[in-house]
C-alpha atoms as a PDB file:
ATOM      1  CA  UNK A   1      96.553  86.357  86.059  1.00  0.00           C
ATOM      2  CA  UNK A   2      94.543  87.322  89.102  1.00  0.00           C
ATOM      3  CA  UNK A   3      92.701  84.886  91.340  1.00  0.00           C
ATOM      4  CA  UNK A   4      89.776  86.166  93.379  1.00  0.00           C
ATOM      5  CA  UNK A   5      88.396  84.197  96.320  1.00  0.00           C
ATOM      6  CA  UNK A   6      85.117  85.234  97.938  1.00  0.00           C
ATOM      7  CA  UNK A   7      83.979  84.309 101.414  1.00  0.00           C
ATOM      8  CA  UNK A   8      81.402  85.359 103.974  1.00  0.00           C
ATOM      9  CA  UNK A   9      78.167  84.232 102.410  1.00  0.00           C
ATOM     10  CA  UNK A  10      75.522  82.302 104.267  1.00  0.00           C
ATOM     11  CA  UNK A  11      71.983  82.256 105.592  1.00  0.00           C
ATOM     12  CA  UNK A  12      70.696  85.318 107.423  1.00  0.00           C
ATOM     13  CA  UNK A  13      67.289  86.492 108.575  1.00  0.00           C
ATOM     14  CA  UNK A  14      65.636  89.559 107.044  1.00  0.00           C
ATOM     15  CA  UNK A  15      67.036  92.694 108.626  1.00  0.00           C
ATOM     16  CA  UNK A  16      70.325  91.007 109.392  1.00  0.00           C
ATOM     17  CA  UNK A  17      73.850  91.731 108.194  1.00  0.00           C
ATOM     18  CA  UNK A  18      76.668  89.945 106.412  1.00  0.00           C
ATOM     19  CA  UNK A  19      80.124  90.979 105.290  1.00  0.00           C
ATOM     20  CA  UNK A  20      81.523  89.471 102.130  1.00  0.00           C
ATOM     21  CA  UNK A  21      85.255  89.393 101.471  1.00  0.00           C
ATOM     22  CA  UNK A  22      87.152  89.028  98.217  1.00  0.00           C
ATOM     23  CA  UNK A  23      90.847  88.286  98.460  1.00  0.00           C
ATOM     24  CA  UNK A  24      92.978  88.938  95.387  1.00  0.00           C
ATOM     25  CA  UNK A  25      96.083  86.878  94.678  1.00  0.00           C
ATOM     26  CA  UNK A  26      98.208  90.008  94.314  1.00  0.00           C
ATOM     27  CA  UNK A  27      98.087  93.758  94.805  1.00  0.00           C
ATOM     28  CA  UNK A  28      95.856  95.136  92.050  1.00  0.00           C
ATOM     29  CA  UNK A  29      93.801  98.000  93.453  1.00  0.00           C
ATOM     30  CA  UNK A  30      95.983 100.666  91.818  1.00  0.00           C
ATOM     31  CA  UNK A  31      95.131  99.424  88.322  1.00  0.00           C
ATOM     32  CA  UNK A  32      91.895  97.451  88.681  1.00  0.00           C
ATOM     33  CA  UNK A  33      88.387  98.611  89.441  1.00  0.00           C
ATOM     34  CA  UNK A  34      86.814  96.211  91.911  1.00  0.00           C
ATOM     35  CA  UNK A  35      83.178  95.299  92.018  1.00  0.00           C
ATOM     36  CA  UNK A  36      80.509  93.071  93.474  1.00  0.00           C
ATOM     37  CA  UNK A  37      77.810  91.576  91.278  1.00  0.00           C
ATOM     38  CA  UNK A  38      74.991  89.172  92.037  1.00  0.00           C
ATOM     39  CA  UNK A  39      72.986  86.667  90.094  1.00  0.00           C
ATOM     40  CA  UNK A  40      69.773  84.804  90.716  1.00  0.00           C
ATOM     41  CA  UNK A  41      69.276  81.524  88.870  1.00  0.00           C
ATOM     42  CA  UNK A  42      67.667  82.228  85.529  1.00  0.00           C
ATOM     43  CA  UNK A  43      68.377  85.944  85.607  1.00  0.00           C
ATOM     44  CA  UNK A  44      71.189  88.150  84.357  1.00  0.00           C
ATOM     45  CA  UNK A  45      74.095  89.041  86.579  1.00  0.00           C
ATOM     46  CA  UNK A  46      73.620  92.535  87.977  1.00  0.00           C
ATOM     47  CA  UNK A  47      75.922  95.169  89.381  1.00  0.00           C
ATOM     48  CA  UNK A  48      75.778  95.684  93.136  1.00  0.00           C
ATOM     49  CA  UNK A  49      78.679  98.013  93.898  1.00  0.00           C
ATOM     50  CA  UNK A  50      82.001  99.149  92.482  1.00  0.00           C
ATOM     51  CA  UNK A  51      85.079 100.953  93.748  1.00  0.00           C
ATOM     52  CA  UNK A  52      87.535 102.626  91.390  1.00  0.00           C
ATOM     53  CA  UNK A  53      91.301 102.866  91.603  1.00  0.00           C
ATOM     54  CA  UNK A  54      90.889 106.275  93.238  1.00  0.00           C
ATOM     55  CA  UNK A  55      88.393 104.965  95.768  1.00  0.00           C
ATOM     56  CA  UNK A  56      85.189 106.340  94.290  1.00  0.00           C
ATOM     57  CA  UNK A  57      82.201 104.116  94.892  1.00  0.00           C
ATOM     58  CA  UNK A  58      79.003 103.412  93.018  1.00  0.00           C
ATOM     59  CA  UNK A  59      75.942 101.407  94.052  1.00  0.00           C
ATOM     60  CA  UNK A  60      72.865  99.922  92.485  1.00  0.00           C
ATOM     61  CA  UNK A  61      69.769 101.854  93.531  1.00  0.00           C
ATOM     62  CA  UNK A  62      68.383  98.748  95.216  1.00  0.00           C
ATOM     63  CA  UNK A  63      71.244  98.614  97.739  1.00  0.00           C
ATOM     64  CA  UNK A  64      72.053 102.305  98.315  1.00  0.00           C
ATOM     65  CA  UNK A  65      72.101 103.137 101.991  1.00  0.00           C
ATOM     66  CA  UNK A  66      72.276  99.465 102.992  1.00  0.00           C
ATOM     67  CA  UNK A  67      75.472  98.116 101.394  1.00  0.00           C
ATOM     68  CA  UNK A  68      79.009  99.497 101.592  1.00  0.00           C
ATOM     69  CA  UNK A  69      81.973  98.511  99.440  1.00  0.00           C
ATOM     70  CA  UNK A  70      85.455  99.041 100.814  1.00  0.00           C
ATOM     71  CA  UNK A  71      88.970  97.755 100.345  1.00  0.00           C
ATOM     72  CA  UNK A  72      92.125  97.070 102.313  1.00  0.00           C
ATOM     73  CA  UNK A  73      95.156  97.426 100.050  1.00  0.00           C
ATOM     74  CA  UNK A  74      97.506  95.885 102.600  1.00  0.00           C
ATOM     75  CA  UNK A  75      95.431  92.705 102.513  1.00  0.00           C
ATOM     76  CA  UNK A  76      94.519  92.930  98.803  1.00  0.00           C
ATOM     77  CA  UNK A  77      90.943  92.403  99.922  1.00  0.00           C
ATOM     78  CA  UNK A  78      87.704  94.107  99.003  1.00  0.00           C
ATOM     79  CA  UNK A  79      84.640  93.918 101.212  1.00  0.00           C
ATOM     80  CA  UNK A  80      80.902  94.267 100.855  1.00  0.00           C
ATOM     81  CA  UNK A  81      79.148  95.118 104.101  1.00  0.00           C
ATOM     82  CA  UNK A  82      75.475  94.290 103.722  1.00  0.00           C
ATOM     83  CA  UNK A  83      73.003  95.615 106.294  1.00  0.00           C
ATOM     84  CA  UNK A  84      69.206  95.529 106.518  1.00  0.00           C
ATOM     85  CA  UNK A  85      69.144  92.522 104.248  1.00  0.00           C
ATOM     86  CA  UNK A  86      65.950  91.654 102.401  1.00  0.00           C
ATOM     87  CA  UNK A  87      64.774  88.374 100.867  1.00  0.00           C
ATOM     88  CA  UNK A  88      65.261  89.932  97.423  1.00  0.00           C
ATOM     89  CA  UNK A  89      68.989  90.230  98.180  1.00  0.00           C
ATOM     90  CA  UNK A  90      69.204  86.443  97.955  1.00  0.00           C
ATOM     91  CA  UNK A  91      71.654  85.559  95.171  1.00  0.00           C
ATOM     92  CA  UNK A  92      75.115  84.294  94.384  1.00  0.00           C
ATOM     93  CA  UNK A  93      77.498  87.206  94.870  1.00  0.00           C
ATOM     94  CA  UNK A  94      80.560  87.492  92.646  1.00  0.00           C
ATOM     95  CA  UNK A  95      83.687  89.574  92.994  1.00  0.00           C
ATOM     96  CA  UNK A  96      85.075  91.224  89.851  1.00  0.00           C
ATOM     97  CA  UNK A  97      88.376  92.888  88.995  1.00  0.00           C
ATOM     98  CA  UNK A  98      88.381  95.053  85.877  1.00  0.00           C
ATOM     99  CA  UNK A  99      91.309  96.712  84.136  1.00  0.00           C
ATOM    100  CA  UNK A 100      90.023  99.244  81.654  1.00  0.00           C
ATOM    101  CA  UNK A 101      92.898  99.486  79.154  1.00  0.00           C
ATOM    102  CA  UNK A 102      93.657  97.005  77.827  1.00  0.00           C
ATOM    103  CA  UNK A 103      90.385  95.500  78.979  1.00  0.00           C
ATOM    104  CA  UNK A 104      90.873  92.498  81.206  1.00  0.00           C
ATOM    105  CA  UNK A 105      88.537  91.236  83.874  1.00  0.00           C
ATOM    106  CA  UNK A 106      88.529  88.424  86.374  1.00  0.00           C
ATOM    107  CA  UNK A 107      85.766  86.796  88.402  1.00  0.00           C
ATOM    108  CA  UNK A 108      85.651  84.910  91.639  1.00  0.00           C
ATOM    109  CA  UNK A 109      83.795  81.638  92.080  1.00  0.00           C
ATOM    110  CA  UNK A 110      80.839  83.246  93.865  1.00  0.00           C
ATOM    111  CA  UNK A 111      79.390  82.962  97.339  1.00  0.00           C
ATOM    112  CA  UNK A 112      75.750  82.245  98.148  1.00  0.00           C
ATOM    113  CA  UNK A 113      73.765  84.716 100.219  1.00  0.00           C
ATOM    114  CA  UNK A 114      70.329  83.606 101.367  1.00  0.00           C
ATOM    115  CA  UNK A 115      68.009  85.944 103.251  1.00  0.00           C
ATOM    116  CA  UNK A 116      65.142  84.019 104.760  1.00  0.00           C
ATOM    117  CA  UNK A 117      63.279  83.573 107.999  1.00  0.00           C
END
């Protein structure tokens, strides 16, 4: 079992920045892909960013150039640095840990990000 705990959400004005953190209960980055997803009420959860076991990153087109995913293996923590935030970035952000084979994935409880003036 892996527990994921997100933090860092909140209310920010358009153009502002936030950094989300996701702390894993144990060291998993060598075998789990890590990712950030977001969901708006009434809509499907969507991919924001992922980082593989080798450190390769991938971003949704809507956040490229503004968001950065990173990880600190010593702290078993993955981060999402969000800059130039827009109102359409408002959502609940979830951390995900995915092991490909056999397939197992875990989710955090989510953290609310609200971008509004």
